[in-house]
PDB file of all heavy atoms in Angstrom:
ATOM      1  N   PRO A   1      25.535  20.205   2.134  1.00  0.00           N
ATOM      2  CA  PRO A   1      24.999  19.019   1.452  1.00  0.00           C
ATOM      3  C   PRO A   1      24.349  19.416   0.119  1.00  0.00           C
ATOM      4  O   PRO A   1      23.992  20.580  -0.097  1.00  0.00           O
ATOM      5  CB  PRO A   1      23.929  18.507   2.424  1.00  0.00           C
ATOM      6  CG  PRO A   1      24.077  19.315   3.686  1.00  0.00           C
ATOM      7  CD  PRO A   1      24.725  20.593   3.299  1.00  0.00           C
ATOM      8  N   LEU A   2      24.216  18.452  -0.756  1.00  0.00           N
ATOM      9  CA  LEU A   2      23.480  18.669  -2.001  1.00  0.00           C
ATOM     10  C   LEU A   2      22.019  18.362  -1.798  1.00  0.00           C
ATOM     11  O   LEU A   2      21.668  17.326  -1.212  1.00  0.00           O
ATOM     12  CB  LEU A   2      24.039  17.781  -3.119  1.00  0.00           C
ATOM     13  CG  LEU A   2      25.507  17.969  -3.486  1.00  0.00           C
ATOM     14  CD1 LEU A   2      25.885  16.995  -4.610  1.00  0.00           C
ATOM     15  CD2 LEU A   2      25.786  19.398  -3.912  1.00  0.00           C
ATOM     16  N   SER A   3      21.147  19.241  -2.285  1.00  0.00           N
ATOM     17  CA  SER A   3      19.723  18.897  -2.305  1.00  0.00           C
ATOM     18  C   SER A   3      19.388  18.181  -3.600  1.00  0.00           C
ATOM     19  O   SER A   3      18.394  17.460  -3.669  1.00  0.00           O
ATOM     20  CB  SER A   3      18.845  20.136  -2.128  1.00  0.00           C
ATOM     21  OG  SER A   3      19.059  21.064  -3.170  1.00  0.00           O
ATOM     22  N   ARG A   4      20.223  18.405  -4.639  1.00  0.00           N
ATOM     23  CA  ARG A   4      20.107  17.622  -5.880  1.00  0.00           C
ATOM     24  C   ARG A   4      21.475  17.594  -6.556  1.00  0.00           C
ATOM     25  O   ARG A   4      22.037  18.651  -6.848  1.00  0.00           O
ATOM     26  CB  ARG A   4      19.068  18.227  -6.816  1.00  0.00           C
ATOM     27  CG  ARG A   4      18.754  17.296  -8.008  1.00  0.00           C
ATOM     28  CD  ARG A   4      17.598  17.810  -8.811  1.00  0.00           C
ATOM     29  NE  ARG A   4      18.001  18.853  -9.759  1.00  0.00           N
ATOM     30  CZ  ARG A   4      17.157  19.554 -10.503  1.00  0.00           C
ATOM     31  NH1 ARG A   4      15.848  19.374 -10.361  1.00  0.00           N
ATOM     32  NH2 ARG A   4      17.601  20.467 -11.340  1.00  0.00           N
ATOM     33  N   PRO A   5      22.034  16.433  -6.814  1.00  0.00           N
ATOM     34  CA  PRO A   5      23.341  16.368  -7.459  1.00  0.00           C
ATOM     35  C   PRO A   5      23.278  16.919  -8.900  1.00  0.00           C
ATOM     36  O   PRO A   5      22.207  16.941  -9.523  1.00  0.00           O
ATOM     37  CB  PRO A   5      23.654  14.855  -7.479  1.00  0.00           C
ATOM     38  CG  PRO A   5      22.756  14.261  -6.445  1.00  0.00           C
ATOM     39  CD  PRO A   5      21.523  15.105  -6.428  1.00  0.00           C
ATOM     40  N   GLY A   6      24.434  17.341  -9.397  1.00  0.00           N
ATOM     41  CA  GLY A   6      24.493  17.855 -10.750  1.00  0.00           C
ATOM     42  C   GLY A   6      25.833  18.540 -10.994  1.00  0.00           C
ATOM     43  O   GLY A   6      26.798  18.338 -10.254  1.00  0.00           O
ATOM     44  N   GLN A   7      25.876  19.354 -12.041  1.00  0.00           N
ATOM     45  CA  GLN A   7      27.122  20.034 -12.410  1.00  0.00           C
ATOM     46  C   GLN A   7      27.496  21.052 -11.344  1.00  0.00           C
ATOM     47  O   GLN A   7      26.716  21.957 -11.022  1.00  0.00           O
ATOM     48  CB  GLN A   7      26.936  20.767 -13.740  1.00  0.00           C
ATOM     49  CG  GLN A   7      28.154  21.588 -14.146  1.00  0.00           C
ATOM     50  CD  GLN A   7      27.873  22.475 -15.350  1.00  0.00           C
ATOM     51  OE1 GLN A   7      26.955  22.213 -16.123  1.00  0.00           O
ATOM     52  NE2 GLN A   7      28.670  23.520 -15.532  1.00  0.00           N
ATOM     53  N   PRO A   8      28.720  20.985 -10.810  1.00  0.00           N
ATOM     54  CA  PRO A   8      29.167  22.011  -9.864  1.00  0.00           C
ATOM     55  C   PRO A   8      29.270  23.375 -10.558  1.00  0.00           C
ATOM     56  O   PRO A   8      29.619  23.474 -11.738  1.00  0.00           O
ATOM     57  CB  PRO A   8      30.552  21.509  -9.420  1.00  0.00           C
ATOM     58  CG  PRO A   8      30.561  20.056  -9.744  1.00  0.00           C
ATOM     59  CD  PRO A   8      29.704  19.899 -10.960  1.00  0.00           C
ATOM     60  N   LEU A   9      28.978  24.413  -9.811  1.00  0.00           N
ATOM     61  CA  LEU A   9      29.030  25.780 -10.313  1.00  0.00           C
ATOM     62  C   LEU A   9      30.097  26.568  -9.554  1.00  0.00           C
ATOM     63  O   LEU A   9      30.358  26.311  -8.379  1.00  0.00           O
ATOM     64  CB  LEU A   9      27.670  26.466 -10.159  1.00  0.00           C
ATOM     65  CG  LEU A   9      26.478  25.775 -10.836  1.00  0.00           C
ATOM     66  CD1 LEU A   9      25.189  26.548 -10.554  1.00  0.00           C
ATOM     67  CD2 LEU A   9      26.706  25.637 -12.329  1.00  0.00           C
ATOM     68  N   ASP A  10      30.661  27.564 -10.229  1.00  0.00           N
ATOM     69  CA  ASP A  10      31.607  28.456  -9.551  1.00  0.00           C
ATOM     70  C   ASP A  10      30.908  29.357  -8.549  1.00  0.00           C
ATOM     71  O   ASP A  10      31.500  29.766  -7.542  1.00  0.00           O
ATOM     72  CB  ASP A  10      32.335  29.316 -10.576  1.00  0.00           C
ATOM     73  CG  ASP A  10      33.277  28.513 -11.444  1.00  0.00           C
ATOM     74  OD1 ASP A  10      34.202  27.886 -10.887  1.00  0.00           O
ATOM     75  OD2 ASP A  10      33.080  28.471 -12.668  1.00  0.00           O
ATOM     76  N   PHE A  11      29.652  29.700  -8.830  1.00  0.00           N
ATOM     77  CA  PHE A  11      28.865  30.532  -7.919  1.00  0.00           C
ATOM     78  C   PHE A  11      27.473  29.966  -7.812  1.00  0.00           C
ATOM     79  O   PHE A  11      26.833  29.645  -8.822  1.00  0.00           O
ATOM     80  CB  PHE A  11      28.778  31.980  -8.391  1.00  0.00           C
ATOM     81  CG  PHE A  11      27.907  32.850  -7.543  1.00  0.00           C
ATOM     82  CD1 PHE A  11      28.363  33.369  -6.346  1.00  0.00           C
ATOM     83  CD2 PHE A  11      26.588  33.119  -7.907  1.00  0.00           C
ATOM     84  CE1 PHE A  11      27.560  34.141  -5.541  1.00  0.00           C
ATOM     85  CE2 PHE A  11      25.775  33.899  -7.106  1.00  0.00           C
ATOM     86  CZ  PHE A  11      26.261  34.415  -5.912  1.00  0.00           C
ATOM     87  N   ASP A  12      26.976  29.867  -6.590  1.00  0.00           N
ATOM     88  CA  ASP A  12      25.601  29.404  -6.377  1.00  0.00           C
ATOM     89  C   ASP A  12      25.122  29.917  -5.035  1.00  0.00           C
ATOM     90  O   ASP A  12      25.913  30.484  -4.256  1.00  0.00           O
ATOM     91  CB  ASP A  12      25.526  27.888  -6.442  1.00  0.00           C
ATOM     92  CG  ASP A  12      24.120  27.375  -6.761  1.00  0.00           C
ATOM     93  OD1 ASP A  12      23.236  28.226  -7.056  1.00  0.00           O
ATOM     94  OD2 ASP A  12      23.918  26.157  -6.749  1.00  0.00           O
ATOM     95  N   LYS A  13      23.858  29.727  -4.770  1.00  0.00           N
ATOM     96  CA  LYS A  13      23.281  30.047  -3.463  1.00  0.00           C
ATOM     97  C   LYS A  13      22.524  28.837  -2.956  1.00  0.00           C
ATOM     98  O   LYS A  13      21.994  28.047  -3.741  1.00  0.00           O
ATOM     99  CB  LYS A  13      22.324  31.239  -3.558  1.00  0.00           C
ATOM    100  CG  LYS A  13      22.992  32.574  -3.873  1.00  0.00           C
ATOM    101  CD  LYS A  13      21.967  33.709  -3.902  1.00  0.00           C
ATOM    102  CE  LYS A  13      22.589  35.052  -4.178  1.00  0.00           C
ATOM    103  NZ  LYS A  13      21.570  36.122  -4.186  1.00  0.00           N
ATOM    104  N   THR A  14      22.453  28.716  -1.622  1.00  0.00           N
ATOM    105  CA  THR A  14      21.648  27.649  -1.050  1.00  0.00           C
ATOM    106  C   THR A  14      20.172  27.894  -1.343  1.00  0.00           C
ATOM    107  O   THR A  14      19.749  29.016  -1.586  1.00  0.00           O
ATOM    108  CB  THR A  14      21.890  27.518   0.460  1.00  0.00           C
ATOM    109  OG1 THR A  14      21.531  28.757   1.089  1.00  0.00           O
ATOM    110  CG2 THR A  14      23.349  27.205   0.753  1.00  0.00           C
ATOM    111  N   THR A  15      19.385  26.822  -1.330  1.00  0.00           N
ATOM    112  CA  THR A  15      18.041  26.882  -1.908  1.00  0.00           C
ATOM    113  C   THR A  15      17.017  27.615  -1.046  1.00  0.00           C
ATOM    114  O   THR A  15      15.999  28.075  -1.576  1.00  0.00           O
ATOM    115  CB  THR A  15      17.522  25.460  -2.166  1.00  0.00           C
ATOM    116  OG1 THR A  15      17.690  24.666  -1.007  1.00  0.00           O
ATOM    117  CG2 THR A  15      18.304  24.807  -3.297  1.00  0.00           C
ATOM    118  N   VAL A  16      17.251  27.798   0.232  1.00  0.00           N
ATOM    119  CA  VAL A  16      16.265  28.476   1.099  1.00  0.00           C
ATOM    120  C   VAL A  16      16.753  29.865   1.484  1.00  0.00           C
ATOM    121  O   VAL A  16      16.152  30.871   1.116  1.00  0.00           O
ATOM    122  CB  VAL A  16      15.948  27.633   2.346  1.00  0.00           C
ATOM    123  CG1 VAL A  16      14.963  28.377   3.248  1.00  0.00           C
ATOM    124  CG2 VAL A  16      15.370  26.279   1.948  1.00  0.00           C
ATOM    125  N   ALA A  17      17.845  29.964   2.228  1.00  0.00           N
ATOM    126  CA  ALA A  17      18.320  31.253   2.713  1.00  0.00           C
ATOM    127  C   ALA A  17      19.074  32.049   1.662  1.00  0.00           C
ATOM    128  O   ALA A  17      19.237  33.263   1.796  1.00  0.00           O
ATOM    129  CB  ALA A  17      19.188  31.051   3.949  1.00  0.00           C
ATOM    130  N   GLY A  18      19.571  31.374   0.627  1.00  0.00           N
ATOM    131  CA  GLY A  18      20.347  32.088  -0.392  1.00  0.00           C
ATOM    132  C   GLY A  18      21.752  32.440   0.053  1.00  0.00           C
ATOM    133  O   GLY A  18      22.302  33.459  -0.349  1.00  0.00           O
ATOM    134  N   THR A  19      22.367  31.568   0.845  1.00  0.00           N
ATOM    135  CA  THR A  19      23.749  31.774   1.260  1.00  0.00           C
ATOM    136  C   THR A  19      24.682  31.532   0.062  1.00  0.00           C
ATOM    137  O   THR A  19      24.604  30.477  -0.557  1.00  0.00           O
ATOM    138  CB  THR A  19      24.106  30.809   2.419  1.00  0.00           C
ATOM    139  OG1 THR A  19      23.283  31.090   3.541  1.00  0.00           O
ATOM    140  CG2 THR A  19      25.566  30.937   2.809  1.00  0.00           C
ATOM    141  N   PRO A  20      25.551  32.482  -0.263  1.00  0.00           N
ATOM    142  CA  PRO A  20      26.397  32.330  -1.445  1.00  0.00           C
ATOM    143  C   PRO A  20      27.553  31.334  -1.228  1.00  0.00           C
ATOM    144  O   PRO A  20      28.208  31.384  -0.195  1.00  0.00           O
ATOM    145  CB  PRO A  20      26.936  33.738  -1.705  1.00  0.00           C
ATOM    146  CG  PRO A  20      26.174  34.643  -0.802  1.00  0.00           C
ATOM    147  CD  PRO A  20      25.702  33.812   0.346  1.00  0.00           C
ATOM    148  N   ILE A  21      27.779  30.485  -2.224  1.00  0.00           N
ATOM    149  CA  ILE A  21      28.851  29.496  -2.190  1.00  0.00           C
ATOM    150  C   ILE A  21      29.725  29.685  -3.438  1.00  0.00           C
ATOM    151  O   ILE A  21      29.205  29.783  -4.554  1.00  0.00           O
ATOM    152  CB  ILE A  21      28.268  28.059  -2.164  1.00  0.00           C
ATOM    153  CG1 ILE A  21      27.271  27.895  -0.980  1.00  0.00           C
ATOM    154  CG2 ILE A  21      29.388  27.032  -2.080  1.00  0.00           C
ATOM    155  CD1 ILE A  21      27.853  28.110   0.396  1.00  0.00           C
ATOM    156  N   LEU A  22      31.055  29.715  -3.228  1.00  0.00           N
ATOM    157  CA  LEU A  22      31.992  30.056  -4.290  1.00  0.00           C
ATOM    158  C   LEU A  22      33.047  28.985  -4.520  1.00  0.00           C
ATOM    159  O   LEU A  22      33.486  28.341  -3.559  1.00  0.00           O
ATOM    160  CB  LEU A  22      32.767  31.336  -3.927  1.00  0.00           C
ATOM    161  CG  LEU A  22      32.026  32.577  -3.488  1.00  0.00           C
ATOM    162  CD1 LEU A  22      33.043  33.645  -3.114  1.00  0.00           C
ATOM    163  CD2 LEU A  22      31.107  33.067  -4.569  1.00  0.00           C
ATOM    164  N   SER A  23      33.480  28.856  -5.759  1.00  0.00           N
ATOM    165  CA  SER A  23      34.668  28.071  -6.049  1.00  0.00           C
ATOM    166  C   SER A  23      35.923  28.880  -5.669  1.00  0.00           C
ATOM    167  O   SER A  23      35.844  30.084  -5.400  1.00  0.00           O
ATOM    168  CB  SER A  23      34.721  27.720  -7.531  1.00  0.00           C
ATOM    169  OG  SER A  23      34.983  28.884  -8.312  1.00  0.00           O
ATOM    170  N   GLU A  24      37.064  28.228  -5.707  1.00  0.00           N
ATOM    171  CA  GLU A  24      38.346  28.909  -5.420  1.00  0.00           C
ATOM    172  C   GLU A  24      38.581  30.035  -6.404  1.00  0.00           C
ATOM    173  O   GLU A  24      39.078  31.112  -6.017  1.00  0.00           O
ATOM    174  CB  GLU A  24      39.491  27.890  -5.458  1.00  0.00           C
ATOM    175  CG  GLU A  24      40.882  28.510  -5.463  1.00  0.00           C
ATOM    176  CD  GLU A  24      41.156  29.368  -4.249  1.00  0.00           C
ATOM    177  OE1 GLU A  24      40.714  29.017  -3.126  1.00  0.00           O
ATOM    178  OE2 GLU A  24      41.820  30.420  -4.407  1.00  0.00           O
ATOM    179  N   ARG A  25      38.259  29.844  -7.672  1.00  0.00           N
ATOM    180  CA  ARG A  25      38.512  30.896  -8.667  1.00  0.00           C
ATOM    181  C   ARG A  25      37.656  32.133  -8.394  1.00  0.00           C
ATOM    182  O   ARG A  25      38.122  33.260  -8.556  1.00  0.00           O
ATOM    183  CB  ARG A  25      38.253  30.377 -10.082  1.00  0.00           C
ATOM    184  CG  ARG A  25      39.251  29.331 -10.535  1.00  0.00           C
ATOM    185  CD  ARG A  25      39.238  29.205 -12.043  1.00  0.00           C
ATOM    186  NE  ARG A  25      37.939  28.808 -12.556  1.00  0.00           N
ATOM    187  CZ  ARG A  25      37.530  29.036 -13.810  1.00  0.00           C
ATOM    188  NH1 ARG A  25      38.300  29.673 -14.666  1.00  0.00           N
ATOM    189  NH2 ARG A  25      36.333  28.618 -14.197  1.00  0.00           N
TER     190      ARG A  25
END
């Protein structure tokens, strides 16, 4: 889920645990 909507990123982490989330590229 989003905790705050905005520009999608190719790389990010979740806001508490820091789980990495990646785009297909």
